[in-house]
């Protein structure tokens, strides 16, 4: 299992490296979408249970909208530390390092995963949560696990078309850090990964 997880993370990181190297954001998004479908369908670390994997024909993803790609500056925010319990990773400490303002969406806190190596974590729970997207929200960036769209200086690339569900959206055996209060907005974000009709599983 350990080496298959390593391979999964390598592939996710390589997929995002390909995205960052594309001059055309939509072309990068197409590669991301297709690459994730390939991983979910055939990789031993796919978060789908065997029944869902057998019937899998692609993740439902909204069409690309270039108006939903931003490069906001990281703005100051008061220091805050959260300790989030998860089944697989134990307690995950999150430290707020700032916030980003996204036009038409709102202000989202940006977190640093305060574990060995560290990384930026940017979750989102928007107005579609619980209907067309997972009720716990989605992730925009999780650089510890390779989900990194780039940026320069004090700016991050935040492309809502790359919003994706955490593993716990697909199977209740997974436990994931979900969007804290500062990452919840009322505005709907009809971009990125969606739920299939009825969701991936019945609670």
Protein backbone atom coordinates (compact mmCIF):
# COMPACT_ATOMS: atom_id res chain seq x y z
CA UNK A 1 0.00 0.00 0.00
CA UNK A 2 2.79 2.44 0.90
CA UNK A 3 4.41 2.33 -2.53
CA UNK A 4 1.09 2.51 -4.34
CA UNK A 5 0.25 5.63 -2.31
CA UNK A 6 3.65 7.06 -3.21
CA UNK A 7 2.91 6.36 -6.86
CA UNK A 8 -0.51 8.04 -6.57
CA UNK A 9 1.06 11.16 -5.09
CA UNK A 10 3.77 11.22 -7.73
CA UNK A 11 1.15 11.04 -10.44
CA UNK A 12 -0.97 13.78 -8.90
CA UNK A 13 2.10 16.01 -8.54
CA UNK A 14 3.16 15.30 -12.13
CA UNK A 15 -0.34 16.07 -13.35
CA UNK A 16 -0.27 19.48 -11.67
CA UNK A 17 3.24 20.14 -12.98
CA UNK A 18 1.84 19.57 -16.46
CA UNK A 19 -0.97 22.01 -15.71
CA UNK A 20 1.50 24.68 -14.58
CA UNK A 21 3.57 24.21 -17.74
CA UNK A 22 0.63 24.81 -20.09
CA UNK A 23 0.46 28.31 -21.57
CA UNK A 24 -3.29 27.85 -22.10
CA UNK A 25 -5.11 27.35 -18.77
CA UNK A 26 -8.01 25.53 -20.42
CA UNK A 27 -5.64 23.08 -22.11
CA UNK A 28 -4.05 22.42 -18.72
CA UNK A 29 -7.48 21.89 -17.22
CA UNK A 30 -8.34 19.33 -19.93
CA UNK A 31 -5.19 17.38 -19.07
CA UNK A 32 -6.05 17.57 -15.38
CA UNK A 33 -9.60 16.32 -15.98
CA UNK A 34 -8.46 13.44 -18.19
CA UNK A 35 -5.59 12.53 -15.88
CA UNK A 36 -7.85 12.34 -12.84
CA UNK A 37 -10.30 10.14 -14.72
CA UNK A 38 -7.46 7.77 -15.54
CA UNK A 39 -6.30 7.64 -11.92
CA UNK A 40 -9.79 7.12 -10.51
CA UNK A 41 -10.56 4.36 -12.99
CA UNK A 42 -7.45 2.25 -12.66
CA UNK A 43 -5.13 3.16 -9.79
CA UNK A 44 -5.12 0.98 -6.65
CA UNK A 45 -5.29 4.14 -4.51
CA UNK A 46 -8.46 5.39 -6.21
CA UNK A 47 -10.84 6.66 -3.50
CA UNK A 48 -13.77 4.95 -5.24
CA UNK A 49 -15.04 1.72 -3.74
CA UNK A 50 -14.92 -1.37 -6.01
CA UNK A 51 -18.56 -1.08 -7.10
CA UNK A 52 -18.22 2.59 -8.03
CA UNK A 53 -14.95 1.89 -9.83
CA UNK A 54 -16.52 -0.89 -11.88
CA UNK A 55 -19.24 1.48 -13.10
CA UNK A 56 -16.97 4.53 -13.44
CA UNK A 57 -17.10 6.44 -16.72
CA UNK A 58 -15.56 9.74 -15.66
CA UNK A 59 -15.86 12.37 -12.94
CA UNK A 60 -18.62 14.91 -13.56
CA UNK A 61 -16.91 18.26 -14.11
CA UNK A 62 -18.47 21.56 -15.23
CA UNK A 63 -17.21 23.10 -18.50
CA UNK A 64 -14.20 25.38 -18.21
CA UNK A 65 -15.00 29.04 -17.53
CA UNK A 66 -11.97 31.35 -17.98
CA UNK A 67 -13.68 34.06 -15.90
CA UNK A 68 -13.17 31.89 -12.81
CA UNK A 69 -9.37 31.87 -12.92
CA UNK A 70 -7.72 34.36 -10.55
CA UNK A 71 -4.22 35.27 -9.36
CA UNK A 72 -4.96 37.02 -6.06
CA UNK A 73 -2.35 38.40 -3.70
CA UNK A 74 -2.12 36.80 -0.29
CA UNK A 75 -3.64 39.34 2.11
CA UNK A 76 -2.93 39.57 5.84
CA UNK A 77 -5.19 37.71 8.28
CA UNK A 78 -5.02 37.26 12.04
CA UNK A 79 -3.04 34.26 13.20
CA UNK A 80 -5.16 31.20 13.95
CA UNK A 81 -4.35 27.55 14.53
CA UNK A 82 -6.81 24.67 14.11
CA UNK A 83 -6.29 21.00 14.85
CA UNK A 84 -8.43 18.87 12.58
CA UNK A 85 -8.89 15.17 13.40
CA UNK A 86 -8.84 12.71 10.48
CA UNK A 87 -8.97 8.91 10.33
CA UNK A 88 -5.95 8.37 8.09
CA UNK A 89 -3.56 11.17 9.08
CA UNK A 90 -4.38 11.68 12.76
CA UNK A 91 -4.70 15.31 13.87
CA UNK A 92 -3.83 17.72 11.06
CA UNK A 93 -2.68 21.13 12.37
CA UNK A 94 -3.63 24.09 10.19
CA UNK A 95 -2.20 27.59 10.63
CA UNK A 96 -3.80 30.55 8.89
CA UNK A 97 -1.20 32.42 6.84
CA UNK A 98 -3.46 34.92 5.08
CA UNK A 99 -6.49 35.19 2.86
CA UNK A 100 -7.38 35.69 -0.80
CA UNK A 101 -10.24 37.77 -2.20
CA UNK A 102 -11.99 36.26 -5.22
CA UNK A 103 -14.33 38.56 -7.20
CA UNK A 104 -17.91 37.34 -7.12
CA UNK A 105 -17.09 34.67 -4.55
CA UNK A 106 -15.70 36.27 -1.40
CA UNK A 107 -12.69 36.12 0.88
CA UNK A 108 -11.15 32.74 1.70
CA UNK A 109 -8.63 31.91 4.39
CA UNK A 110 -5.37 30.31 3.25
CA UNK A 111 -3.86 27.70 5.56
CA UNK A 112 -0.46 26.13 6.08
CA UNK A 113 -0.43 22.44 6.95
CA UNK A 114 1.95 22.55 9.91
CA UNK A 115 3.42 19.06 9.53
CA UNK A 116 6.80 17.85 8.27
CA UNK A 117 7.34 19.46 4.87
CA UNK A 118 4.25 21.65 5.19
CA UNK A 119 2.13 23.02 2.39
CA UNK A 120 -0.65 25.40 1.39
CA UNK A 121 -4.25 24.28 1.90
CA UNK A 122 -7.21 26.16 0.41
CA UNK A 123 -10.62 24.50 0.81
CA UNK A 124 -13.95 25.94 -0.32
CA UNK A 125 -17.53 25.33 0.75
CA UNK A 126 -19.78 27.38 -1.53
CA UNK A 127 -23.49 27.74 -2.20
CA UNK A 128 -23.64 24.51 -4.21
CA UNK A 129 -22.52 22.37 -1.24
CA UNK A 130 -25.06 19.72 -0.36
CA UNK A 131 -26.77 19.92 -3.75
CA UNK A 132 -24.56 19.65 -6.83
CA UNK A 133 -21.30 19.37 -4.84
CA UNK A 134 -20.26 17.54 -1.68
CA UNK A 135 -21.75 18.97 1.51
CA UNK A 136 -18.38 19.24 3.21
CA UNK A 137 -16.96 21.34 0.39
CA UNK A 138 -14.14 20.96 -2.13
CA UNK A 139 -10.43 21.68 -2.32
CA UNK A 140 -8.76 24.31 -4.51
CA UNK A 141 -5.16 23.82 -3.36
CA UNK A 142 -3.51 21.12 -1.26
CA UNK A 143 0.17 21.35 -2.07
CA UNK A 144 1.20 18.67 0.45
CA UNK A 145 -0.53 16.18 -1.85
CA UNK A 146 0.53 17.79 -5.13
CA UNK A 147 -2.48 20.01 -5.89
CA UNK A 148 -0.58 23.19 -6.74
CA UNK A 149 -1.57 25.50 -9.61
CA UNK A 150 1.40 27.84 -9.23
CA UNK A 151 1.81 31.55 -8.66
CA UNK A 152 4.61 34.08 -8.31
CA UNK A 153 5.72 36.35 -5.51
CA UNK A 154 2.87 36.95 -3.10
CA UNK A 155 0.25 35.67 -5.55
CA UNK A 156 -1.42 32.28 -5.89
CA UNK A 157 -3.15 30.87 -8.93
CA UNK A 158 -6.67 30.07 -7.74
CA UNK A 159 -8.69 28.58 -10.59
CA UNK A 160 -12.17 27.54 -9.48
CA UNK A 161 -12.42 25.23 -12.49
CA UNK A 162 -9.98 22.96 -10.64
CA UNK A 163 -12.16 22.64 -7.52
CA UNK A 164 -12.23 18.96 -6.62
CA UNK A 165 -13.82 16.76 -3.99
CA UNK A 166 -11.84 15.33 -1.07
CA UNK A 167 -11.65 11.56 -0.74
CA UNK A 168 -14.43 11.46 1.86
CA UNK A 169 -16.92 12.56 -0.82
CA UNK A 170 -16.53 9.19 -2.56
CA UNK A 171 -16.53 6.69 0.29
CA UNK A 172 -17.32 7.09 4.03
CA UNK A 173 -14.20 5.13 5.01
CA UNK A 174 -12.16 8.27 4.31
CA UNK A 175 -11.86 11.18 6.73
CA UNK A 176 -10.73 14.56 5.41
CA UNK A 177 -10.11 18.09 6.69
CA UNK A 178 -13.15 20.11 5.63
CA UNK A 179 -13.64 23.82 5.03
CA UNK A 180 -13.38 25.90 8.23
CA UNK A 181 -15.65 28.88 8.82
CA UNK A 182 -13.34 31.27 6.92
CA UNK A 183 -13.61 29.11 3.81
CA UNK A 184 -17.39 29.03 3.56
CA UNK A 185 -19.19 31.40 1.22
CA UNK A 186 -22.83 31.76 0.23
CA UNK A 187 -22.13 32.43 -3.44
CA UNK A 188 -22.55 29.37 -5.67
CA UNK A 189 -19.47 28.27 -7.61
CA UNK A 190 -20.85 26.18 -10.50
CA UNK A 191 -17.37 25.21 -11.69
CA UNK A 192 -15.07 22.28 -11.11
CA UNK A 193 -16.01 18.81 -9.99
CA UNK A 194 -19.68 18.04 -9.40
CA UNK A 195 -21.56 15.17 -7.78
CA UNK A 196 -23.21 12.51 -9.92
CA UNK A 197 -27.00 12.21 -9.45
CA UNK A 198 -27.55 10.79 -5.98
CA UNK A 199 -23.91 11.27 -4.96
CA UNK A 200 -21.20 8.63 -4.74
CA UNK A 201 -22.70 6.81 -1.77
CA UNK A 202 -25.74 6.80 0.49
CA UNK A 203 -24.99 7.73 4.13
